[in-house]
Protein backbone atom coordinates (compact mmCIF):
# COMPACT_ATOMS: atom_id res chain seq x y z
CA UNK A 1 18.55 13.48 -105.99
CA UNK A 2 20.43 16.60 -107.03
CA UNK A 3 18.45 19.21 -108.95
CA UNK A 4 20.73 19.17 -112.00
CA UNK A 5 20.54 15.37 -112.20
CA UNK A 6 16.72 15.41 -111.89
CA UNK A 7 16.43 17.93 -114.73
CA UNK A 8 18.57 15.62 -116.85
CA UNK A 9 16.89 12.31 -115.89
CA UNK A 10 13.42 13.78 -116.44
CA UNK A 11 14.56 15.11 -119.84
CA UNK A 12 13.44 18.67 -119.03
CA UNK A 13 17.01 19.73 -119.88
CA UNK A 14 18.88 17.32 -122.15
CA UNK A 15 22.39 17.61 -120.69
CA UNK A 16 23.41 17.68 -117.03
CA UNK A 17 26.11 20.31 -117.62
CA UNK A 18 23.51 22.60 -119.21
CA UNK A 19 21.20 21.97 -116.22
CA UNK A 20 24.07 22.83 -113.87
CA UNK A 21 24.78 26.05 -115.80
CA UNK A 22 21.07 27.00 -115.71
CA UNK A 23 21.08 26.61 -111.91
CA UNK A 24 24.27 28.67 -111.58
CA UNK A 25 22.75 31.41 -113.77
CA UNK A 26 19.68 31.50 -111.45
CA UNK A 27 17.22 30.33 -114.13
CA UNK A 28 15.77 27.64 -111.84
CA UNK A 29 13.49 28.23 -108.84
CA UNK A 30 12.26 25.58 -106.42
CA UNK A 31 9.16 26.42 -104.37
CA UNK A 32 9.58 30.11 -105.21
CA UNK A 33 13.27 30.37 -104.23
CA UNK A 34 16.45 30.32 -106.30
CA UNK A 35 18.06 26.89 -106.13
CA UNK A 36 21.59 25.64 -106.58
CA UNK A 37 22.36 22.53 -108.61
CA UNK A 38 23.04 20.64 -105.39
CA UNK A 39 19.48 21.14 -104.06
CA UNK A 40 17.90 17.83 -102.99
CA UNK A 41 14.71 17.40 -105.07
CA UNK A 42 11.74 15.81 -103.28
CA UNK A 43 8.29 14.72 -104.43
CA UNK A 44 5.85 17.64 -104.37
CA UNK A 45 8.44 20.34 -105.14
CA UNK A 46 7.40 23.01 -107.65
CA UNK A 47 10.15 23.79 -110.19
CA UNK A 48 10.16 26.92 -112.35
CA UNK A 49 12.67 26.88 -115.21
CA UNK A 50 13.17 30.00 -117.34
CA UNK A 51 14.10 29.47 -121.00
CA UNK A 52 14.63 32.97 -122.39
CA UNK A 53 11.18 34.62 -122.34
CA UNK A 54 9.35 31.34 -121.59
CA UNK A 55 8.88 29.85 -118.11
CA UNK A 56 8.08 26.19 -117.51
CA UNK A 57 6.44 25.33 -114.18
CA UNK A 58 6.30 21.67 -113.13
CA UNK A 59 5.44 19.63 -110.02
CA UNK A 60 7.74 16.73 -109.14
CA UNK A 61 5.68 13.52 -108.94
CA UNK A 62 8.41 10.93 -108.61
CA UNK A 63 12.19 10.84 -108.13
CA UNK A 64 14.06 7.97 -109.82
CA UNK A 65 17.79 7.55 -110.44
CA UNK A 66 17.25 6.03 -113.89
CA UNK A 67 14.34 5.99 -116.30
CA UNK A 68 13.65 5.35 -119.96
CA UNK A 69 12.93 8.13 -122.39
CA UNK A 70 9.31 6.97 -122.67
CA UNK A 71 8.79 7.06 -118.88
CA UNK A 72 10.61 10.36 -118.25
CA UNK A 73 7.43 12.45 -118.52
CA UNK A 74 5.89 10.47 -115.63
CA UNK A 75 8.39 12.03 -113.21
CA UNK A 76 6.71 15.46 -113.37
CA UNK A 77 3.44 17.22 -114.14
CA UNK A 78 3.37 20.46 -116.14
CA UNK A 79 1.45 23.15 -114.25
CA UNK A 80 1.82 26.06 -116.69
């Protein structure tokens, strides 16, 4: 699954266009490297998303095309 779509499906970023813009602005790292929106997310990847001064670090646990809002948090684990 594309990185921008995963960020949207997992509800880390609410809109896919905003997720795409965050990737283009180099605010998203995958496994320590800058990632484009087209990066193919896999289970076990470590994502670092920078929101202003705050950085969210998560581990991908599951990749699903569709999920409910209640189950979205089960797709990742917050590391720090």
